[in-house]
Amino acid sequence: MRTIISWAILISFFLIAGEGINLIRLGIMNSLGKMPNQGWQIILGILLAGLGTSFLGGFIYHRAKRRGQIKKPDWMKK
């Protein structure tokens, strides 16, 4: 059950990031075409893509850190 919930959360953030990229694409295509420029699409797309990507990156980092796959850099060692 725990695995299903974690997969559902990951997939939802993946879809949020994908929708953000789609909004960026639509905003750029509308500004290049004859349609009025809708800057909110580009701004919302950047926010959604950034939110989804940062969550997925943080999840992967946390999982690798928990499994001991990340080591401290040399400059942080005493």
C-alpha atoms as a PDB file:
ATOM      1  CA  MET A   1       0.000   0.000   0.000  1.00  0.00           C
ATOM      2  CA  ARG A   2       2.847   2.358   0.850  1.00  0.00           C
ATOM      3  CA  THR A   3       4.486   1.697  -2.506  1.00  0.00           C
ATOM      4  CA  ILE A   4       1.273   2.462  -4.390  1.00  0.00           C
ATOM      5  CA  ILE A   5       0.884   5.789  -2.606  1.00  0.00           C
ATOM      6  CA  SER A   6       4.489   6.783  -3.291  1.00  0.00           C
ATOM      7  CA  TRP A   7       4.128   5.863  -6.975  1.00  0.00           C
ATOM      8  CA  ALA A   8       0.904   7.864  -7.193  1.00  0.00           C
ATOM      9  CA  ILE A   9       2.637  10.918  -5.723  1.00  0.00           C
ATOM     10  CA  LEU A  10       5.596  10.556  -8.099  1.00  0.00           C
ATOM     11  CA  ILE A  11       3.377  10.144 -11.153  1.00  0.00           C
ATOM     12  CA  SER A  12       1.246  13.143 -10.182  1.00  0.00           C
ATOM     13  CA  PHE A  13       4.306  15.402  -9.893  1.00  0.00           C
ATOM     14  CA  PHE A  14       5.637  14.013 -13.176  1.00  0.00           C
ATOM     15  CA  LEU A  15       2.334  14.960 -14.828  1.00  0.00           C
ATOM     16  CA  ILE A  16       2.434  18.424 -13.231  1.00  0.00           C
ATOM     17  CA  ALA A  17       5.913  18.996 -14.696  1.00  0.00           C
ATOM     18  CA  GLY A  18       4.713  17.759 -18.084  1.00  0.00           C
ATOM     19  CA  GLU A  19       1.729  20.099 -18.019  1.00  0.00           C
ATOM     20  CA  GLY A  20       4.078  22.964 -17.184  1.00  0.00           C
ATOM     21  CA  ILE A  21       6.230  22.186 -20.209  1.00  0.00           C
ATOM     22  CA  ASN A  22       3.082  21.994 -22.341  1.00  0.00           C
ATOM     23  CA  LEU A  23       1.933  25.424 -21.104  1.00  0.00           C
ATOM     24  CA  ILE A  24       5.342  26.901 -21.949  1.00  0.00           C
ATOM     25  CA  ARG A  25       5.093  25.424 -25.444  1.00  0.00           C
ATOM     26  CA  LEU A  26       1.570  26.762 -25.957  1.00  0.00           C
ATOM     27  CA  GLY A  27       2.551  30.219 -24.728  1.00  0.00           C
ATOM     28  CA  ILE A  28       5.491  30.387 -27.116  1.00  0.00           C
ATOM     29  CA  MET A  29       3.439  29.130 -30.058  1.00  0.00           C
ATOM     30  CA  ASN A  30       0.672  31.646 -29.332  1.00  0.00           C
ATOM     31  CA  SER A  31       3.154  34.512 -29.129  1.00  0.00           C
ATOM     32  CA  LEU A  32       4.723  33.492 -32.447  1.00  0.00           C
ATOM     33  CA  GLY A  33       1.334  33.165 -34.127  1.00  0.00           C
ATOM     34  CA  LYS A  34      -1.343  35.753 -34.637  1.00  0.00           C
ATOM     35  CA  MET A  35      -3.024  35.052 -31.312  1.00  0.00           C
ATOM     36  CA  PRO A  36      -2.680  37.589 -28.511  1.00  0.00           C
ATOM     37  CA  ASN A  37       0.238  37.034 -26.199  1.00  0.00           C
ATOM     38  CA  GLN A  38      -0.827  35.209 -23.078  1.00  0.00           C
ATOM     39  CA  GLY A  39       2.100  35.671 -20.736  1.00  0.00           C
ATOM     40  CA  TRP A  40       0.325  33.898 -17.899  1.00  0.00           C
ATOM     41  CA  GLN A  41       0.719  30.596 -19.758  1.00  0.00           C
ATOM     42  CA  ILE A  42       4.489  30.923 -19.872  1.00  0.00           C
ATOM     43  CA  ILE A  43       4.761  32.056 -16.237  1.00  0.00           C
ATOM     44  CA  LEU A  44       2.438  29.319 -14.966  1.00  0.00           C
ATOM     45  CA  GLY A  45       4.260  26.766 -17.118  1.00  0.00           C
ATOM     46  CA  ILE A  46       7.639  27.744 -15.692  1.00  0.00           C
ATOM     47  CA  LEU A  47       6.267  27.517 -12.144  1.00  0.00           C
ATOM     48  CA  LEU A  48       4.666  24.102 -12.707  1.00  0.00           C
ATOM     49  CA  ALA A  49       7.687  22.678 -14.511  1.00  0.00           C
ATOM     50  CA  GLY A  50      10.019  23.978 -11.805  1.00  0.00           C
ATOM     51  CA  LEU A  51       7.825  22.637  -9.010  1.00  0.00           C
ATOM     52  CA  GLY A  52       7.526  19.185 -10.556  1.00  0.00           C
ATOM     53  CA  THR A  53      11.183  18.919 -11.470  1.00  0.00           C
ATOM     54  CA  SER A  54      12.405  20.093  -8.069  1.00  0.00           C
ATOM     55  CA  PHE A  55      10.132  17.634  -6.268  1.00  0.00           C
ATOM     56  CA  LEU A  56      11.322  14.727  -8.410  1.00  0.00           C
ATOM     57  CA  GLY A  57      14.967  15.747  -7.970  1.00  0.00           C
ATOM     58  CA  GLY A  58      14.534  16.059  -4.219  1.00  0.00           C
ATOM     59  CA  PHE A  59      12.863  12.666  -4.050  1.00  0.00           C
ATOM     60  CA  ILE A  60      15.712  10.995  -5.939  1.00  0.00           C
ATOM     61  CA  TYR A  61      18.307  12.799  -3.797  1.00  0.00           C
ATOM     62  CA  HIS A  62      16.575  11.815  -0.547  1.00  0.00           C
ATOM     63  CA  ARG A  63      16.263   8.179  -1.646  1.00  0.00           C
ATOM     64  CA  ALA A  64      19.934   7.974  -2.633  1.00  0.00           C
ATOM     65  CA  LYS A  65      20.988   9.642   0.619  1.00  0.00           C
ATOM     66  CA  ARG A  66      18.878   7.236   2.656  1.00  0.00           C
ATOM     67  CA  ARG A  67      20.477   4.251   0.893  1.00  0.00           C
ATOM     68  CA  GLY A  68      23.971   5.624   1.525  1.00  0.00           C
ATOM     69  CA  GLN A  69      24.822   6.199  -2.134  1.00  0.00           C
ATOM     70  CA  ILE A  70      25.792   9.845  -1.616  1.00  0.00           C
ATOM     71  CA  LYS A  71      29.113  10.629  -0.024  1.00  0.00           C
ATOM     72  CA  LYS A  72      30.313  13.954   1.357  1.00  0.00           C
ATOM     73  CA  PRO A  73      32.600  15.936  -0.950  1.00  0.00           C
ATOM     74  CA  ASP A  74      36.279  16.186  -0.043  1.00  0.00           C
ATOM     75  CA  TRP A  75      36.023  19.851   0.858  1.00  0.00           C
ATOM     76  CA  MET A  76      33.373  19.076   3.522  1.00  0.00           C
ATOM     77  CA  LYS A  77      35.374  16.350   5.251  1.00  0.00           C
ATOM     78  CA  LYS A  78      37.348  17.310   8.334  1.00  0.00           C
END
